[in-house]
């Protein structure tokens, strides 16, 4: 299984004409977050998204009122996508990680160090795993990755954990040496992750034994992306690295000039990533050469995504921007 951020097929045909022009900013689609979209987004879906935002705010307010000051700040909520009505709501503690949908179950960790497996249709908990020897209450801010009957995630205690997805039992854990906030990437029979001391690790998926280690020299908040037998990851020092997936040796590195807070999306042979200096970059995955450098309104803190042959990027100005292939 390749990591979810790798994109193939027609959706990967984004660049059109090569060179620093790259995709052009689509002025017809700069959407206020969760507002009614324009022609590229189905109108019923956009209306549902707006209703969902209001409903989610109401749900959180009701939960706080009912539970008083001891209420957790977050709850896991499932919504009907088209109608925006809640299907179920469960309290799984304070959540900062995104949920993983794998084998028709939901997997998510909380800031108290508990990792839960949840029934997708009802929200009921199937099992819970708690970080061992967690007297200092280290949390889980890393979203999980899954393959077959295994789920893998990182934690603030510095360990990378692999659990049996059916039973919740620990398969292995690997100490990376510093807190992990990014999400792992699974590819080539390995798991790849970076930590807050700037260490990037390649770990055997089945055994948890280390394959290689690379020191990037700066904190890593971003998640790695995998493609073309390479691992791509950015650092708080503004460097985007490409490493050989099997050996961890440096293939190339490119200085983007500002903190890279999110993971990259790979479309064809171009890697797209944003920085906190309000810049969107496209890099050739073969040698790291820039093919796109585009200033955007707002810092990019989340990963770009690809859909319908377009590249979508969110900024902290509450904007979603759409890029399309350049026309000749």
C-alpha atoms as a PDB file:
ATOM      1  CA  UNK A   1       0.000   0.000   0.000  1.00  0.00           C
ATOM      2  CA  UNK A   2       1.360   3.363  -0.957  1.00  0.00           C
ATOM      3  CA  UNK A   3       0.898   6.341   1.289  1.00  0.00           C
ATOM      4  CA  UNK A   4      -2.351   8.205   0.793  1.00  0.00           C
ATOM      5  CA  UNK A   5      -0.574  11.344  -0.353  1.00  0.00           C
ATOM      6  CA  UNK A   6       0.783   9.752  -3.486  1.00  0.00           C
ATOM      7  CA  UNK A   7      -1.421  10.397  -6.503  1.00  0.00           C
ATOM      8  CA  UNK A   8      -1.524   8.462  -9.769  1.00  0.00           C
ATOM      9  CA  UNK A   9      -3.470   8.506 -13.001  1.00  0.00           C
ATOM     10  CA  UNK A  10      -5.369  11.349 -14.558  1.00  0.00           C
ATOM     11  CA  UNK A  11      -5.518  13.321 -11.314  1.00  0.00           C
ATOM     12  CA  UNK A  12      -1.749  13.589 -11.425  1.00  0.00           C
ATOM     13  CA  UNK A  13      -1.751  15.523 -14.714  1.00  0.00           C
ATOM     14  CA  UNK A  14      -1.519  18.951 -13.158  1.00  0.00           C
ATOM     15  CA  UNK A  15       1.502  20.670 -14.514  1.00  0.00           C
ATOM     16  CA  UNK A  16       0.763  21.144 -18.189  1.00  0.00           C
ATOM     17  CA  UNK A  17       3.636  23.227 -19.520  1.00  0.00           C
ATOM     18  CA  UNK A  18       6.865  22.668 -17.523  1.00  0.00           C
ATOM     19  CA  UNK A  19       8.909  25.462 -16.075  1.00  0.00           C
ATOM     20  CA  UNK A  20       8.425  27.998 -13.339  1.00  0.00           C
ATOM     21  CA  UNK A  21       5.039  28.989 -14.689  1.00  0.00           C
ATOM     22  CA  UNK A  22       3.561  25.659 -13.648  1.00  0.00           C
ATOM     23  CA  UNK A  23      -0.095  25.608 -12.650  1.00  0.00           C
ATOM     24  CA  UNK A  24      -1.756  29.000 -12.617  1.00  0.00           C
ATOM     25  CA  UNK A  25      -3.901  30.350  -9.805  1.00  0.00           C
ATOM     26  CA  UNK A  26      -7.534  29.820 -10.686  1.00  0.00           C
ATOM     27  CA  UNK A  27      -9.189  33.133  -9.846  1.00  0.00           C
ATOM     28  CA  UNK A  28     -12.632  31.532 -10.251  1.00  0.00           C
ATOM     29  CA  UNK A  29     -12.074  29.325  -7.242  1.00  0.00           C
ATOM     30  CA  UNK A  30     -10.731  30.998  -4.110  1.00  0.00           C
ATOM     31  CA  UNK A  31     -13.294  29.819  -1.626  1.00  0.00           C
ATOM     32  CA  UNK A  32     -13.950  30.950   1.887  1.00  0.00           C
ATOM     33  CA  UNK A  33     -13.585  27.822   3.965  1.00  0.00           C
ATOM     34  CA  UNK A  34     -16.762  25.741   3.895  1.00  0.00           C
ATOM     35  CA  UNK A  35     -18.685  28.417   2.018  1.00  0.00           C
ATOM     36  CA  UNK A  36     -20.904  27.712  -0.973  1.00  0.00           C
ATOM     37  CA  UNK A  37     -18.512  26.664  -3.716  1.00  0.00           C
ATOM     38  CA  UNK A  38     -18.478  27.704  -7.343  1.00  0.00           C
ATOM     39  CA  UNK A  39     -18.535  25.608 -10.465  1.00  0.00           C
ATOM     40  CA  UNK A  40     -15.855  23.063  -9.485  1.00  0.00           C
ATOM     41  CA  UNK A  41     -17.760  21.868  -6.376  1.00  0.00           C
ATOM     42  CA  UNK A  42     -21.199  20.289  -6.402  1.00  0.00           C
ATOM     43  CA  UNK A  43     -23.726  22.712  -4.933  1.00  0.00           C
ATOM     44  CA  UNK A  44     -25.532  20.164  -2.705  1.00  0.00           C
ATOM     45  CA  UNK A  45     -22.214  19.117  -1.224  1.00  0.00           C
ATOM     46  CA  UNK A  46     -21.215  22.706  -0.554  1.00  0.00           C
ATOM     47  CA  UNK A  47     -24.523  23.457   1.172  1.00  0.00           C
ATOM     48  CA  UNK A  48     -24.075  20.349   3.283  1.00  0.00           C
ATOM     49  CA  UNK A  49     -20.595  21.510   4.265  1.00  0.00           C
ATOM     50  CA  UNK A  50     -21.956  24.840   5.455  1.00  0.00           C
ATOM     51  CA  UNK A  51     -24.658  23.077   7.486  1.00  0.00           C
ATOM     52  CA  UNK A  52     -22.047  20.709   8.861  1.00  0.00           C
ATOM     53  CA  UNK A  53     -19.952  23.600  10.169  1.00  0.00           C
ATOM     54  CA  UNK A  54     -22.904  25.107  12.031  1.00  0.00           C
ATOM     55  CA  UNK A  55     -24.025  21.731  13.341  1.00  0.00           C
ATOM     56  CA  UNK A  56     -20.548  20.872  14.580  1.00  0.00           C
ATOM     57  CA  UNK A  57     -20.304  24.156  16.476  1.00  0.00           C
ATOM     58  CA  UNK A  58     -23.702  23.507  18.072  1.00  0.00           C
ATOM     59  CA  UNK A  59     -22.706  19.961  19.014  1.00  0.00           C
ATOM     60  CA  UNK A  60     -19.557  21.174  20.752  1.00  0.00           C
ATOM     61  CA  UNK A  61     -21.436  23.917  22.601  1.00  0.00           C
ATOM     62  CA  UNK A  62     -24.090  21.457  23.809  1.00  0.00           C
ATOM     63  CA  UNK A  63     -21.428  19.042  25.002  1.00  0.00           C
ATOM     64  CA  UNK A  64     -19.702  21.778  27.006  1.00  0.00           C
ATOM     65  CA  UNK A  65     -22.950  22.887  28.598  1.00  0.00           C
ATOM     66  CA  UNK A  66     -23.951  19.357  29.561  1.00  0.00           C
ATOM     67  CA  UNK A  67     -20.580  18.352  30.998  1.00  0.00           C
ATOM     68  CA  UNK A  68     -19.578  21.649  32.594  1.00  0.00           C
ATOM     69  CA  UNK A  69     -15.988  22.696  33.130  1.00  0.00           C
ATOM     70  CA  UNK A  70     -14.756  19.106  33.028  1.00  0.00           C
ATOM     71  CA  UNK A  71     -15.878  18.590  29.448  1.00  0.00           C
ATOM     72  CA  UNK A  72     -13.206  17.589  26.955  1.00  0.00           C
ATOM     73  CA  UNK A  73     -12.565  20.110  24.225  1.00  0.00           C
ATOM     74  CA  UNK A  74     -13.170  17.649  21.424  1.00  0.00           C
ATOM     75  CA  UNK A  75     -15.447  14.764  20.525  1.00  0.00           C
ATOM     76  CA  UNK A  76     -15.475  12.435  17.561  1.00  0.00           C
ATOM     77  CA  UNK A  77     -18.496  13.216  15.394  1.00  0.00           C
ATOM     78  CA  UNK A  78     -19.722  11.492  12.227  1.00  0.00           C
ATOM     79  CA  UNK A  79     -21.932  13.417   9.796  1.00  0.00           C
ATOM     80  CA  UNK A  80     -24.030  12.521   6.810  1.00  0.00           C
ATOM     81  CA  UNK A  81     -22.024  14.148   4.020  1.00  0.00           C
ATOM     82  CA  UNK A  82     -24.946  15.278   1.856  1.00  0.00           C
ATOM     83  CA  UNK A  83     -27.353  16.417   4.563  1.00  0.00           C
ATOM     84  CA  UNK A  84     -24.946  17.561   7.270  1.00  0.00           C
ATOM     85  CA  UNK A  85     -26.881  15.821  10.049  1.00  0.00           C
ATOM     86  CA  UNK A  86     -24.954  14.054  12.820  1.00  0.00           C
ATOM     87  CA  UNK A  87     -24.983  10.259  12.633  1.00  0.00           C
ATOM     88  CA  UNK A  88     -23.257   9.700  15.961  1.00  0.00           C
ATOM     89  CA  UNK A  89     -21.080  11.459  18.507  1.00  0.00           C
ATOM     90  CA  UNK A  90     -18.718   9.918  21.038  1.00  0.00           C
ATOM     91  CA  UNK A  91     -16.281  11.309  23.572  1.00  0.00           C
ATOM     92  CA  UNK A  92     -12.775  10.026  22.923  1.00  0.00           C
ATOM     93  CA  UNK A  93     -10.893  12.757  24.777  1.00  0.00           C
ATOM     94  CA  UNK A  94      -8.972  15.694  23.371  1.00  0.00           C
ATOM     95  CA  UNK A  95      -8.170  14.955  19.739  1.00  0.00           C
ATOM     96  CA  UNK A  96      -5.484  16.663  17.653  1.00  0.00           C
ATOM     97  CA  UNK A  97      -4.839  13.845  15.180  1.00  0.00           C
ATOM     98  CA  UNK A  98      -6.915  13.127  12.103  1.00  0.00           C
ATOM     99  CA  UNK A  99      -8.752   9.775  12.109  1.00  0.00           C
ATOM    100  CA  UNK A 100      -7.691   6.897   9.882  1.00  0.00           C
ATOM    101  CA  UNK A 101     -10.370   4.872   8.064  1.00  0.00           C
ATOM    102  CA  UNK A 102      -8.907   1.400   7.535  1.00  0.00           C
ATOM    103  CA  UNK A 103     -10.612  -2.009   7.144  1.00  0.00           C
ATOM    104  CA  UNK A 104     -13.959  -0.214   7.597  1.00  0.00           C
ATOM    105  CA  UNK A 105     -12.940   0.914  11.100  1.00  0.00           C
ATOM    106  CA  UNK A 106     -11.773   4.258  12.467  1.00  0.00           C
ATOM    107  CA  UNK A 107      -8.473   4.592  14.327  1.00  0.00           C
ATOM    108  CA  UNK A 108      -7.468   7.707  16.289  1.00  0.00           C
ATOM    109  CA  UNK A 109      -5.326   8.676  19.279  1.00  0.00           C
ATOM    110  CA  UNK A 110      -5.866  11.411  21.874  1.00  0.00           C
ATOM    111  CA  UNK A 111      -3.661  13.794  23.823  1.00  0.00           C
ATOM    112  CA  UNK A 112      -3.764  11.573  26.929  1.00  0.00           C
ATOM    113  CA  UNK A 113      -2.032   8.699  25.149  1.00  0.00           C
ATOM    114  CA  UNK A 114      -5.049   6.492  24.360  1.00  0.00           C
ATOM    115  CA  UNK A 115      -5.473   5.026  20.871  1.00  0.00           C
ATOM    116  CA  UNK A 116      -8.944   3.766  19.936  1.00  0.00           C
ATOM    117  CA  UNK A 117     -10.494   1.547  17.296  1.00  0.00           C
ATOM    118  CA  UNK A 118     -14.050   2.682  16.531  1.00  0.00           C
ATOM    119  CA  UNK A 119     -16.962   1.147  14.654  1.00  0.00           C
ATOM    120  CA  UNK A 120     -17.436   3.348  11.607  1.00  0.00           C
ATOM    121  CA  UNK A 121     -21.240   3.194  11.523  1.00  0.00           C
ATOM    122  CA  UNK A 122     -22.031   3.583  15.228  1.00  0.00           C
ATOM    123  CA  UNK A 123     -19.040   5.232  16.906  1.00  0.00           C
ATOM    124  CA  UNK A 124     -18.754   2.415  19.440  1.00  0.00           C
ATOM    125  CA  UNK A 125     -15.295   1.539  20.693  1.00  0.00           C
ATOM    126  CA  UNK A 126     -13.977  -1.890  19.707  1.00  0.00           C
ATOM    127  CA  UNK A 127     -10.749  -1.647  21.662  1.00  0.00           C
ATOM    128  CA  UNK A 128      -8.401   0.863  23.307  1.00  0.00           C
ATOM    129  CA  UNK A 129      -4.627   0.810  23.577  1.00  0.00           C
ATOM    130  CA  UNK A 130      -2.862   3.036  26.109  1.00  0.00           C
ATOM    131  CA  UNK A 131       0.776   4.044  25.829  1.00  0.00           C
ATOM    132  CA  UNK A 132       2.862   1.945  28.260  1.00  0.00           C
ATOM    133  CA  UNK A 133       4.708   3.548  31.175  1.00  0.00           C
ATOM    134  CA  UNK A 134       3.007   6.857  30.508  1.00  0.00           C
ATOM    135  CA  UNK A 135       3.264   8.504  33.912  1.00  0.00           C
ATOM    136  CA  UNK A 136       4.006  11.859  32.285  1.00  0.00           C
ATOM    137  CA  UNK A 137       0.851  11.599  30.147  1.00  0.00           C
ATOM    138  CA  UNK A 138       2.522  11.852  26.767  1.00  0.00           C
ATOM    139  CA  UNK A 139      -0.086  12.191  24.030  1.00  0.00           C
ATOM    140  CA  UNK A 140      -0.712  11.019  20.491  1.00  0.00           C
ATOM    141  CA  UNK A 141      -0.771  13.833  17.950  1.00  0.00           C
ATOM    142  CA  UNK A 142       0.304  11.650  15.042  1.00  0.00           C
ATOM    143  CA  UNK A 143      -2.380  10.372  12.687  1.00  0.00           C
ATOM    144  CA  UNK A 144      -2.095   6.658  12.018  1.00  0.00           C
ATOM    145  CA  UNK A 145      -1.269   4.825   8.794  1.00  0.00           C
ATOM    146  CA  UNK A 146      -2.673   1.376   8.061  1.00  0.00           C
ATOM    147  CA  UNK A 147      -1.922  -1.639   5.915  1.00  0.00           C
ATOM    148  CA  UNK A 148      -3.489  -5.117   6.032  1.00  0.00           C
ATOM    149  CA  UNK A 149      -4.053  -5.959   9.724  1.00  0.00           C
ATOM    150  CA  UNK A 150      -1.629  -3.373  11.090  1.00  0.00           C
ATOM    151  CA  UNK A 151      -1.903   0.278  12.138  1.00  0.00           C
ATOM    152  CA  UNK A 152       1.146   2.430  12.862  1.00  0.00           C
ATOM    153  CA  UNK A 153       1.399   5.789  14.652  1.00  0.00           C
ATOM    154  CA  UNK A 154       3.892   7.960  16.518  1.00  0.00           C
ATOM    155  CA  UNK A 155       3.616   9.486  19.971  1.00  0.00           C
ATOM    156  CA  UNK A 156       5.074  12.269  22.081  1.00  0.00           C
ATOM    157  CA  UNK A 157       7.090   9.693  24.043  1.00  0.00           C
ATOM    158  CA  UNK A 158       9.275   9.309  20.959  1.00  0.00           C
ATOM    159  CA  UNK A 159       8.132   5.805  20.076  1.00  0.00           C
ATOM    160  CA  UNK A 160       6.686   4.574  16.803  1.00  0.00           C
ATOM    161  CA  UNK A 161       3.965   2.000  17.546  1.00  0.00           C
ATOM    162  CA  UNK A 162       2.547  -0.824  15.445  1.00  0.00           C
ATOM    163  CA  UNK A 163      -0.669  -2.474  16.615  1.00  0.00           C
ATOM    164  CA  UNK A 164      -2.782  -5.356  15.392  1.00  0.00           C
ATOM    165  CA  UNK A 165      -5.783  -3.622  13.822  1.00  0.00           C
ATOM    166  CA  UNK A 166      -8.214  -6.383  14.842  1.00  0.00           C
ATOM    167  CA  UNK A 167      -7.203  -6.867  18.472  1.00  0.00           C
ATOM    168  CA  UNK A 168      -5.351  -3.713  19.495  1.00  0.00           C
ATOM    169  CA  UNK A 169      -2.329  -5.658  20.712  1.00  0.00           C
ATOM    170  CA  UNK A 170       1.149  -4.216  20.313  1.00  0.00           C
ATOM    171  CA  UNK A 171       3.149  -5.812  17.499  1.00  0.00           C
ATOM    172  CA  UNK A 172       6.262  -3.717  18.105  1.00  0.00           C
ATOM    173  CA  UNK A 173       7.468  -0.279  19.111  1.00  0.00           C
ATOM    174  CA  UNK A 174      10.583   1.597  18.040  1.00  0.00           C
ATOM    175  CA  UNK A 175      12.246   4.426  19.958  1.00  0.00           C
ATOM    176  CA  UNK A 176      13.135   7.303  17.607  1.00  0.00           C
ATOM    177  CA  UNK A 177      14.620   9.410  20.394  1.00  0.00           C
ATOM    178  CA  UNK A 178      12.294  12.435  20.329  1.00  0.00           C
ATOM    179  CA  UNK A 179       8.606  13.345  20.159  1.00  0.00           C
ATOM    180  CA  UNK A 180       6.679  12.502  17.003  1.00  0.00           C
ATOM    181  CA  UNK A 181       3.862  14.745  15.767  1.00  0.00           C
ATOM    182  CA  UNK A 182       3.842  13.840  12.074  1.00  0.00           C
ATOM    183  CA  UNK A 183       2.186  10.803  10.558  1.00  0.00           C
ATOM    184  CA  UNK A 184       4.084   7.765   9.281  1.00  0.00           C
ATOM    185  CA  UNK A 185       4.297   6.739   5.656  1.00  0.00           C
ATOM    186  CA  UNK A 186       4.144   3.035   4.740  1.00  0.00           C
ATOM    187  CA  UNK A 187       5.844   1.907   1.529  1.00  0.00           C
ATOM    188  CA  UNK A 188       8.376  -0.632   0.282  1.00  0.00           C
ATOM    189  CA  UNK A 189       7.804  -2.867   3.327  1.00  0.00           C
ATOM    190  CA  UNK A 190       8.995  -0.071   5.607  1.00  0.00           C
ATOM    191  CA  UNK A 191       7.573   2.663   7.817  1.00  0.00           C
ATOM    192  CA  UNK A 192       9.035   6.165   7.541  1.00  0.00           C
ATOM    193  CA  UNK A 193       8.758   8.924  10.146  1.00  0.00           C
ATOM    194  CA  UNK A 194      10.470  12.124  11.334  1.00  0.00           C
ATOM    195  CA  UNK A 195      10.692  13.508  14.872  1.00  0.00           C
ATOM    196  CA  UNK A 196      11.228  16.805  16.698  1.00  0.00           C
ATOM    197  CA  UNK A 197      14.996  16.308  16.964  1.00  0.00           C
ATOM    198  CA  UNK A 198      15.274  16.188  13.179  1.00  0.00           C
ATOM    199  CA  UNK A 199      15.782  12.438  12.877  1.00  0.00           C
ATOM    200  CA  UNK A 200      14.202  10.626   9.933  1.00  0.00           C
ATOM    201  CA  UNK A 201      13.838   6.865  10.383  1.00  0.00           C
ATOM    202  CA  UNK A 202      13.181   3.932   8.119  1.00  0.00           C
ATOM    203  CA  UNK A 203      11.804   0.973  10.100  1.00  0.00           C
ATOM    204  CA  UNK A 204      10.935  -2.546   8.957  1.00  0.00           C
ATOM    205  CA  UNK A 205       7.140  -2.810   8.860  1.00  0.00           C
ATOM    206  CA  UNK A 206       6.847  -6.366  10.145  1.00  0.00           C
ATOM    207  CA  UNK A 207       9.547  -6.452  12.816  1.00  0.00           C
ATOM    208  CA  UNK A 208      10.014  -2.830  13.893  1.00  0.00           C
ATOM    209  CA  UNK A 209      13.775  -3.150  13.433  1.00  0.00           C
ATOM    210  CA  UNK A 210      15.541   0.001  12.201  1.00  0.00           C
ATOM    211  CA  UNK A 211      16.634  -0.025   8.566  1.00  0.00           C
ATOM    212  CA  UNK A 212      18.312   3.380   8.494  1.00  0.00           C
ATOM    213  CA  UNK A 213      18.462   6.791  10.139  1.00  0.00           C
ATOM    214  CA  UNK A 214      19.116  10.251   8.689  1.00  0.00           C
ATOM    215  CA  UNK A 215      19.808  13.461  10.635  1.00  0.00           C
ATOM    216  CA  UNK A 216      18.120  16.454   9.004  1.00  0.00           C
ATOM    217  CA  UNK A 217      19.357  19.018  11.538  1.00  0.00           C
ATOM    218  CA  UNK A 218      16.009  20.709  12.266  1.00  0.00           C
ATOM    219  CA  UNK A 219      12.684  19.845  13.906  1.00  0.00           C
ATOM    220  CA  UNK A 220      10.276  17.865  11.770  1.00  0.00           C
ATOM    221  CA  UNK A 221       6.557  18.564  12.086  1.00  0.00           C
ATOM    222  CA  UNK A 222       5.636  17.396   8.606  1.00  0.00           C
ATOM    223  CA  UNK A 223       4.746  13.868   7.573  1.00  0.00           C
ATOM    224  CA  UNK A 224       6.804  12.059   4.950  1.00  0.00           C
ATOM    225  CA  UNK A 225       5.506  11.282   1.476  1.00  0.00           C
ATOM    226  CA  UNK A 226       6.661   8.292  -0.570  1.00  0.00           C
ATOM    227  CA  UNK A 227       7.036   7.806  -4.330  1.00  0.00           C
ATOM    228  CA  UNK A 228       9.567   6.619  -6.905  1.00  0.00           C
ATOM    229  CA  UNK A 229      11.504   4.651  -4.230  1.00  0.00           C
ATOM    230  CA  UNK A 230      12.155   7.890  -2.379  1.00  0.00           C
ATOM    231  CA  UNK A 231      11.042   9.438   0.896  1.00  0.00           C
ATOM    232  CA  UNK A 232      10.240  13.176   0.791  1.00  0.00           C
ATOM    233  CA  UNK A 233      10.022  15.247   3.959  1.00  0.00           C
ATOM    234  CA  UNK A 234      10.381  18.913   4.922  1.00  0.00           C
ATOM    235  CA  UNK A 235      11.800  20.473   8.070  1.00  0.00           C
ATOM    236  CA  UNK A 236      11.307  23.563  10.217  1.00  0.00           C
ATOM    237  CA  UNK A 237      14.619  24.752   8.761  1.00  0.00           C
ATOM    238  CA  UNK A 238      12.943  25.088   5.360  1.00  0.00           C
ATOM    239  CA  UNK A 239      14.772  22.213   3.666  1.00  0.00           C
ATOM    240  CA  UNK A 240      12.882  19.651   1.594  1.00  0.00           C
ATOM    241  CA  UNK A 241      14.754  16.333   1.554  1.00  0.00           C
ATOM    242  CA  UNK A 242      14.542  13.395  -0.812  1.00  0.00           C
ATOM    243  CA  UNK A 243      16.077  10.198   0.598  1.00  0.00           C
ATOM    244  CA  UNK A 244      16.579   6.774  -0.900  1.00  0.00           C
ATOM    245  CA  UNK A 245      13.742   4.699   0.559  1.00  0.00           C
ATOM    246  CA  UNK A 246      15.855   1.564   1.083  1.00  0.00           C
ATOM    247  CA  UNK A 247      19.102   3.067   2.377  1.00  0.00           C
ATOM    248  CA  UNK A 248      18.232   6.532   3.706  1.00  0.00           C
ATOM    249  CA  UNK A 249      21.016   8.148   1.706  1.00  0.00           C
ATOM    250  CA  UNK A 250      20.486  11.700   0.487  1.00  0.00           C
ATOM    251  CA  UNK A 251      19.251  11.968  -3.108  1.00  0.00           C
ATOM    252  CA  UNK A 252      18.731  15.733  -3.120  1.00  0.00           C
ATOM    253  CA  UNK A 253      17.742  18.638  -0.912  1.00  0.00           C
ATOM    254  CA  UNK A 254      16.184  21.995  -1.773  1.00  0.00           C
ATOM    255  CA  UNK A 255      16.038  25.076   0.431  1.00  0.00           C
ATOM    256  CA  UNK A 256      12.543  26.604   0.320  1.00  0.00           C
ATOM    257  CA  UNK A 257      13.422  29.492   2.642  1.00  0.00           C
ATOM    258  CA  UNK A 258      10.816  28.994   5.372  1.00  0.00           C
ATOM    259  CA  UNK A 259       9.303  26.495   7.777  1.00  0.00           C
ATOM    260  CA  UNK A 260       7.703  23.479   6.109  1.00  0.00           C
ATOM    261  CA  UNK A 261       4.856  22.565   8.413  1.00  0.00           C
ATOM    262  CA  UNK A 262       2.955  20.068   6.271  1.00  0.00           C
ATOM    263  CA  UNK A 263       3.596  17.090   4.077  1.00  0.00           C
ATOM    264  CA  UNK A 264       3.846  17.196   0.302  1.00  0.00           C
ATOM    265  CA  UNK A 265       1.470  15.811  -2.290  1.00  0.00           C
ATOM    266  CA  UNK A 266       3.025  14.067  -5.279  1.00  0.00           C
ATOM    267  CA  UNK A 267       1.363  14.277  -8.672  1.00  0.00           C
ATOM    268  CA  UNK A 268       3.185  12.542 -11.492  1.00  0.00           C
ATOM    269  CA  UNK A 269       6.816  13.580 -11.176  1.00  0.00           C
ATOM    270  CA  UNK A 270       6.170  16.811  -9.289  1.00  0.00           C
ATOM    271  CA  UNK A 271       6.056  17.323  -5.534  1.00  0.00           C
ATOM    272  CA  UNK A 272       3.854  20.171  -4.255  1.00  0.00           C
ATOM    273  CA  UNK A 273       4.395  21.656  -0.798  1.00  0.00           C
ATOM    274  CA  UNK A 274       3.747  24.933   0.992  1.00  0.00           C
ATOM    275  CA  UNK A 275       5.648  26.984   3.577  1.00  0.00           C
ATOM    276  CA  UNK A 276       4.855  29.417   6.380  1.00  0.00           C
ATOM    277  CA  UNK A 277       6.254  32.213   4.221  1.00  0.00           C
ATOM    278  CA  UNK A 278       3.108  32.121   2.055  1.00  0.00           C
ATOM    279  CA  UNK A 279       4.751  30.264  -0.805  1.00  0.00           C
ATOM    280  CA  UNK A 280       3.643  27.230  -2.777  1.00  0.00           C
ATOM    281  CA  UNK A 281       6.366  25.215  -4.492  1.00  0.00           C
ATOM    282  CA  UNK A 282       6.421  22.498  -7.094  1.00  0.00           C
ATOM    283  CA  UNK A 283       9.642  20.450  -7.223  1.00  0.00           C
ATOM    284  CA  UNK A 284      10.754  17.826  -9.707  1.00  0.00           C
ATOM    285  CA  UNK A 285      10.971  14.601  -7.691  1.00  0.00           C
ATOM    286  CA  UNK A 286      14.012  13.429  -9.661  1.00  0.00           C
ATOM    287  CA  UNK A 287      16.409  16.229  -8.709  1.00  0.00           C
ATOM    288  CA  UNK A 288      14.462  18.761  -6.589  1.00  0.00           C
ATOM    289  CA  UNK A 289      14.518  21.450  -9.275  1.00  0.00           C
ATOM    290  CA  UNK A 290      11.697  24.008  -8.787  1.00  0.00           C
ATOM    291  CA  UNK A 291       9.029  23.960 -11.498  1.00  0.00           C
ATOM    292  CA  UNK A 292       6.614  26.204  -9.599  1.00  0.00           C
ATOM    293  CA  UNK A 293       7.045  29.073  -7.157  1.00  0.00           C
ATOM    294  CA  UNK A 294       3.796  30.848  -6.363  1.00  0.00           C
ATOM    295  CA  UNK A 295       3.037  33.348  -3.616  1.00  0.00           C
ATOM    296  CA  UNK A 296      -0.363  32.759  -2.003  1.00  0.00           C
ATOM    297  CA  UNK A 297      -2.530  34.801   0.385  1.00  0.00           C
ATOM    298  CA  UNK A 298      -1.729  33.210   3.731  1.00  0.00           C
ATOM    299  CA  UNK A 299       0.611  30.702   5.348  1.00  0.00           C
ATOM    300  CA  UNK A 300       0.288  27.069   4.297  1.00  0.00           C
ATOM    301  CA  UNK A 301       0.018  24.869   7.363  1.00  0.00           C
ATOM    302  CA  UNK A 302      -1.795  21.869   5.874  1.00  0.00           C
ATOM    303  CA  UNK A 303      -1.038  19.496   3.033  1.00  0.00           C
ATOM    304  CA  UNK A 304      -2.215  20.238  -0.501  1.00  0.00           C
ATOM    305  CA  UNK A 305      -4.551  17.747  -2.136  1.00  0.00           C
ATOM    306  CA  UNK A 306      -5.417  16.701  -5.674  1.00  0.00           C
ATOM    307  CA  UNK A 307      -8.904  16.166  -7.129  1.00  0.00           C
ATOM    308  CA  UNK A 308     -10.475  16.454 -10.576  1.00  0.00           C
ATOM    309  CA  UNK A 309      -7.154  17.263 -12.165  1.00  0.00           C
ATOM    310  CA  UNK A 310      -6.598  20.259  -9.909  1.00  0.00           C
ATOM    311  CA  UNK A 311      -4.380  21.099  -6.967  1.00  0.00           C
ATOM    312  CA  UNK A 312      -6.141  22.495  -3.884  1.00  0.00           C
ATOM    313  CA  UNK A 313      -4.317  24.418  -1.153  1.00  0.00           C
ATOM    314  CA  UNK A 314      -5.708  25.842   2.110  1.00  0.00           C
ATOM    315  CA  UNK A 315      -4.142  28.816   3.900  1.00  0.00           C
ATOM    316  CA  UNK A 316      -4.492  30.320   7.361  1.00  0.00           C
ATOM    317  CA  UNK A 317      -6.441  33.208   5.825  1.00  0.00           C
ATOM    318  CA  UNK A 318      -9.402  30.785   5.681  1.00  0.00           C
ATOM    319  CA  UNK A 319      -9.032  30.402   1.946  1.00  0.00           C
ATOM    320  CA  UNK A 320      -9.005  27.356  -0.285  1.00  0.00           C
ATOM    321  CA  UNK A 321      -7.153  27.980  -3.544  1.00  0.00           C
ATOM    322  CA  UNK A 322      -7.424  25.918  -6.707  1.00  0.00           C
ATOM    323  CA  UNK A 323      -4.665  25.548  -9.287  1.00  0.00           C
ATOM    324  CA  UNK A 324      -5.117  24.188 -12.776  1.00  0.00           C
ATOM    325  CA  UNK A 325      -2.812  23.220 -15.608  1.00  0.00           C
ATOM    326  CA  UNK A 326      -1.352  26.129 -17.484  1.00  0.00           C
ATOM    327  CA  UNK A 327      -2.813  26.726 -20.931  1.00  0.00           C
ATOM    328  CA  UNK A 328      -0.506  27.443 -23.838  1.00  0.00           C
END
